Amino acid sequence: MTKKRIAVIGSGCSGLTSIKECLDQGLEPVCFEKDDDIGGLWRYKDSPSEASVYRSCVFNTSKELSGFSDFPVPADFPPFLHNTFFLRYLRLYAKKFDLLRHIRFGTAVSSVRHAPDYDTTGRWTVATRSPSDGVDKLETFDGVMVCTGHHWNPHVPHFRGLDKFGGTVLHSHDYKSGKEMMGKKILIVGKSAVLIIYT
């Protein structure tokens, strides 16, 4: 019997664990990662337009509570992980379970649609594009796991008077290091996905 092919979109925490679970269930995962490395949100990027943790981000839960049940965080890692340690942990996880060979790096997914035979097979058509050759490619999969997370697209609240504010309004999605805020008066609105307002 032919293994069912599953498209996994993204190779952050959810994508890596999804690849592993597919393998554990006898499925054939194909992961599409638009960047050239794993880690998703946990791989720091300077660009405000790209979702990532901020430079000094440290987990607010202990490593014992933050690791995967089938792969504990190494004992020599600090009790509360800086994002660089968590990225190292994800790389160790990917290596331990041989996940990298299932990832197509530098390949962005542009659409996911019902395959022409969806009504009888439940299959999906996934369109991808590799920036290296710029060629669109269509493939059919038995299932799709979208593992892009919810932080890649910030939700910016709108409230009366914000458009009249003369300073800078920044969503936490775009916060990277805070150097541009040094010496400024700052107002933080919210407690999770926050607005940072400063003059």
Protein backbone atom coordinates (compact mmCIF):
# COMPACT_ATOMS: atom_id res chain seq x y z
CA MET A 1 0.00 0.00 0.00
CA THR A 2 1.28 3.45 -0.92
CA LYS A 3 1.97 5.77 1.99
CA LYS A 4 -0.27 8.81 2.23
CA ARG A 5 1.64 12.01 1.46
CA ILE A 6 1.14 14.90 3.85
CA ALA A 7 2.21 18.49 3.14
CA VAL A 8 3.55 20.27 6.23
CA ILE A 9 3.81 24.04 5.89
CA GLY A 10 6.51 25.53 8.14
CA SER A 11 9.40 24.03 10.10
CA GLY A 12 9.08 25.71 13.48
CA CYS A 13 8.01 23.85 16.63
CA SER A 14 4.69 22.72 15.19
CA GLY A 15 6.12 21.79 11.81
CA LEU A 16 8.93 19.68 13.25
CA THR A 17 6.64 17.80 15.63
CA SER A 18 4.14 17.32 12.79
CA ILE A 19 6.83 15.78 10.56
CA LYS A 20 7.80 13.41 13.37
CA GLU A 21 4.20 12.45 14.08
CA CYS A 22 3.59 11.75 10.37
CA LEU A 23 6.61 9.44 10.36
CA ASP A 24 5.42 7.73 13.55
CA GLN A 25 2.04 7.10 11.88
CA GLY A 26 3.55 5.64 8.70
CA LEU A 27 2.81 8.70 6.56
CA GLU A 28 5.13 10.45 4.10
CA PRO A 29 5.61 14.09 5.15
CA VAL A 30 6.90 16.77 2.80
CA CYS A 31 7.61 19.99 4.67
CA PHE A 32 7.79 23.33 2.86
CA GLU A 33 9.92 26.00 4.55
CA LYS A 34 10.22 29.40 2.88
CA ASP A 35 13.45 30.21 4.73
CA ASP A 36 16.78 28.40 4.61
CA ASP A 37 16.68 27.04 8.17
CA ILE A 38 14.32 25.53 10.74
CA GLY A 39 13.06 27.25 13.86
CA GLY A 40 10.30 29.52 12.63
CA LEU A 41 9.53 32.17 15.23
CA TRP A 42 12.44 30.99 17.41
CA ARG A 43 15.07 31.91 14.84
CA TYR A 44 15.81 35.59 15.48
CA LYS A 45 15.69 37.86 12.43
CA ASP A 46 16.54 41.57 12.45
CA SER A 47 13.93 42.47 9.85
CA PRO A 48 10.73 43.88 11.40
CA SER A 49 8.74 42.51 8.48
CA GLU A 50 9.60 38.93 9.44
CA ALA A 51 8.06 37.26 12.46
CA SER A 52 10.60 36.23 15.07
CA VAL A 53 11.28 36.53 18.75
CA TYR A 54 13.00 39.67 19.95
CA ARG A 55 16.75 39.52 20.50
CA SER A 56 16.69 39.11 24.31
CA CYS A 57 13.64 36.80 24.54
CA VAL A 58 13.87 34.17 27.30
CA PHE A 59 11.22 31.50 28.01
CA ASN A 60 9.00 32.27 30.98
CA THR A 61 8.56 28.55 31.71
CA SER A 62 11.27 26.16 32.80
CA LYS A 63 13.02 23.86 30.38
CA GLU A 64 11.33 20.88 32.07
CA LEU A 65 7.93 22.27 31.08
CA SER A 66 9.02 23.58 27.68
CA GLY A 67 10.56 20.48 26.11
CA PHE A 68 8.84 17.77 24.10
CA SER A 69 7.78 14.66 26.03
CA ASP A 70 9.81 12.34 23.80
CA PHE A 71 12.95 14.51 23.84
CA PRO A 72 13.81 16.35 27.08
CA VAL A 73 15.82 19.56 26.95
CA PRO A 74 19.51 18.74 27.62
CA ALA A 75 20.49 18.85 31.29
CA ASP A 76 23.34 21.29 30.64
CA PHE A 77 21.01 23.91 29.16
CA PRO A 78 19.97 26.76 31.50
CA PRO A 79 16.73 26.38 33.50
CA PHE A 80 15.00 29.15 31.48
CA LEU A 81 15.97 29.08 27.83
CA HIS A 82 17.11 32.10 25.86
CA ASN A 83 15.75 31.88 22.31
CA THR A 84 19.18 30.83 21.01
CA PHE A 85 19.12 27.80 23.33
CA PHE A 86 15.61 26.87 22.22
CA LEU A 87 16.69 27.05 18.59
CA ARG A 88 19.63 24.76 19.45
CA TYR A 89 17.15 22.41 21.10
CA LEU A 90 14.97 22.35 17.96
CA ARG A 91 18.05 21.54 15.86
CA LEU A 92 18.95 18.67 18.22
CA TYR A 93 15.36 17.41 17.98
CA ALA A 94 15.40 17.55 14.17
CA LYS A 95 18.73 15.71 14.08
CA LYS A 96 17.69 13.04 16.61
CA PHE A 97 14.60 12.10 14.59
CA ASP A 98 16.18 12.68 11.15
CA LEU A 99 13.59 15.30 10.18
CA LEU A 100 15.66 17.58 7.94
CA ARG A 101 15.56 15.21 4.98
CA HIS A 102 11.79 15.78 4.80
CA ILE A 103 12.10 19.58 4.51
CA ARG A 104 12.30 21.55 1.26
CA PHE A 105 14.05 24.75 2.28
CA GLY A 106 13.61 27.95 0.32
CA THR A 107 10.19 26.85 -0.86
CA ALA A 108 7.18 29.06 -0.16
CA VAL A 109 3.61 27.81 -0.38
CA SER A 110 1.48 30.17 -2.43
CA SER A 111 -1.85 28.32 -2.26
CA VAL A 112 -3.63 25.24 -0.98
CA ARG A 113 -6.79 24.18 -2.81
CA HIS A 114 -9.03 21.18 -3.21
CA ALA A 115 -7.57 18.81 -5.79
CA PRO A 116 -9.79 18.16 -8.86
CA ASP A 117 -10.74 14.78 -7.35
CA TYR A 118 -11.26 16.17 -3.83
CA ASP A 119 -14.91 15.07 -3.62
CA THR A 120 -13.91 11.40 -3.97
CA THR A 121 -10.37 11.37 -2.51
CA GLY A 122 -10.18 14.31 -0.09
CA ARG A 123 -6.82 15.28 -1.62
CA TRP A 124 -5.30 18.75 -1.85
CA THR A 125 -3.28 20.62 -4.46
CA VAL A 126 -0.41 22.64 -3.03
CA ALA A 127 1.26 25.34 -5.13
CA THR A 128 4.83 26.23 -4.21
CA ARG A 129 7.51 28.54 -5.52
CA SER A 130 11.25 28.37 -5.06
CA PRO A 131 12.92 31.81 -5.15
CA SER A 132 16.05 30.23 -6.63
CA ASP A 133 14.33 29.33 -9.90
CA GLY A 134 11.05 31.28 -9.64
CA VAL A 135 9.12 28.31 -11.00
CA ASP A 136 5.66 27.48 -9.68
CA LYS A 137 5.10 23.82 -8.91
CA LEU A 138 1.85 21.97 -8.18
CA GLU A 139 1.73 18.79 -6.12
CA THR A 140 -1.13 16.73 -4.76
CA PHE A 141 -1.25 15.55 -1.15
CA ASP A 142 -3.57 13.37 0.89
CA GLY A 143 -3.52 15.90 3.72
CA VAL A 144 -2.12 19.29 4.69
CA MET A 145 -0.84 20.46 8.07
CA VAL A 146 -0.55 24.25 8.31
CA CYS A 147 2.19 24.93 10.88
CA THR A 148 2.86 28.61 10.32
CA GLY A 149 1.72 29.69 13.77
CA HIS A 150 -0.38 32.70 14.61
CA HIS A 151 2.38 35.25 15.19
CA TRP A 152 3.36 35.79 11.55
CA ASN A 153 0.49 38.20 10.92
CA PRO A 154 0.05 40.83 13.64
CA HIS A 155 -3.40 41.96 14.70
CA VAL A 156 -3.19 45.70 15.22
CA PRO A 157 -6.07 47.08 17.27
CA HIS A 158 -7.58 50.36 16.17
CA PHE A 159 -8.95 52.79 18.70
CA ARG A 160 -10.16 56.36 18.56
CA GLY A 161 -7.40 58.98 18.47
CA LEU A 162 -4.52 56.65 17.54
CA ASP A 163 -4.29 58.18 14.06
CA LYS A 164 -3.71 61.61 15.66
CA PHE A 165 -0.78 60.45 17.79
CA GLY A 166 2.42 62.18 16.65
CA GLY A 167 4.87 59.56 17.86
CA THR A 168 5.63 56.02 16.76
CA VAL A 169 3.23 53.09 17.10
CA LEU A 170 4.82 49.66 16.96
CA HIS A 171 3.22 46.21 17.27
CA SER A 172 5.13 43.71 19.38
CA HIS A 173 5.50 41.64 16.18
CA ASP A 174 7.92 44.30 14.93
CA TYR A 175 9.83 44.74 18.20
CA LYS A 176 13.39 43.39 17.91
CA SER A 177 15.77 45.06 20.35
CA GLY A 178 14.39 48.33 21.67
CA LYS A 179 17.45 50.37 20.70
CA GLU A 180 15.27 52.88 18.84
CA MET A 181 13.31 53.47 22.07
CA MET A 182 16.24 54.37 24.31
CA GLY A 183 15.54 57.62 26.16
CA LYS A 184 11.93 57.81 24.95
CA LYS A 185 8.66 57.91 26.87
CA ILE A 186 6.91 54.58 26.27
CA LEU A 187 3.34 53.38 26.72
CA ILE A 188 2.61 49.67 26.35
CA VAL A 189 -0.99 48.77 25.51
CA GLY A 190 -2.03 45.17 26.19
CA LYS A 191 -0.21 42.22 27.72
CA SER A 192 0.34 39.63 24.98
CA ALA A 193 0.17 40.97 21.44
CA VAL A 194 0.85 44.54 22.47
CA LEU A 195 1.16 47.96 20.95
CA ILE A 196 4.27 49.87 21.94
CA ILE A 197 3.73 53.62 21.65
CA TYR A 198 6.59 56.05 22.15
CA THR A 199 7.72 59.62 21.58
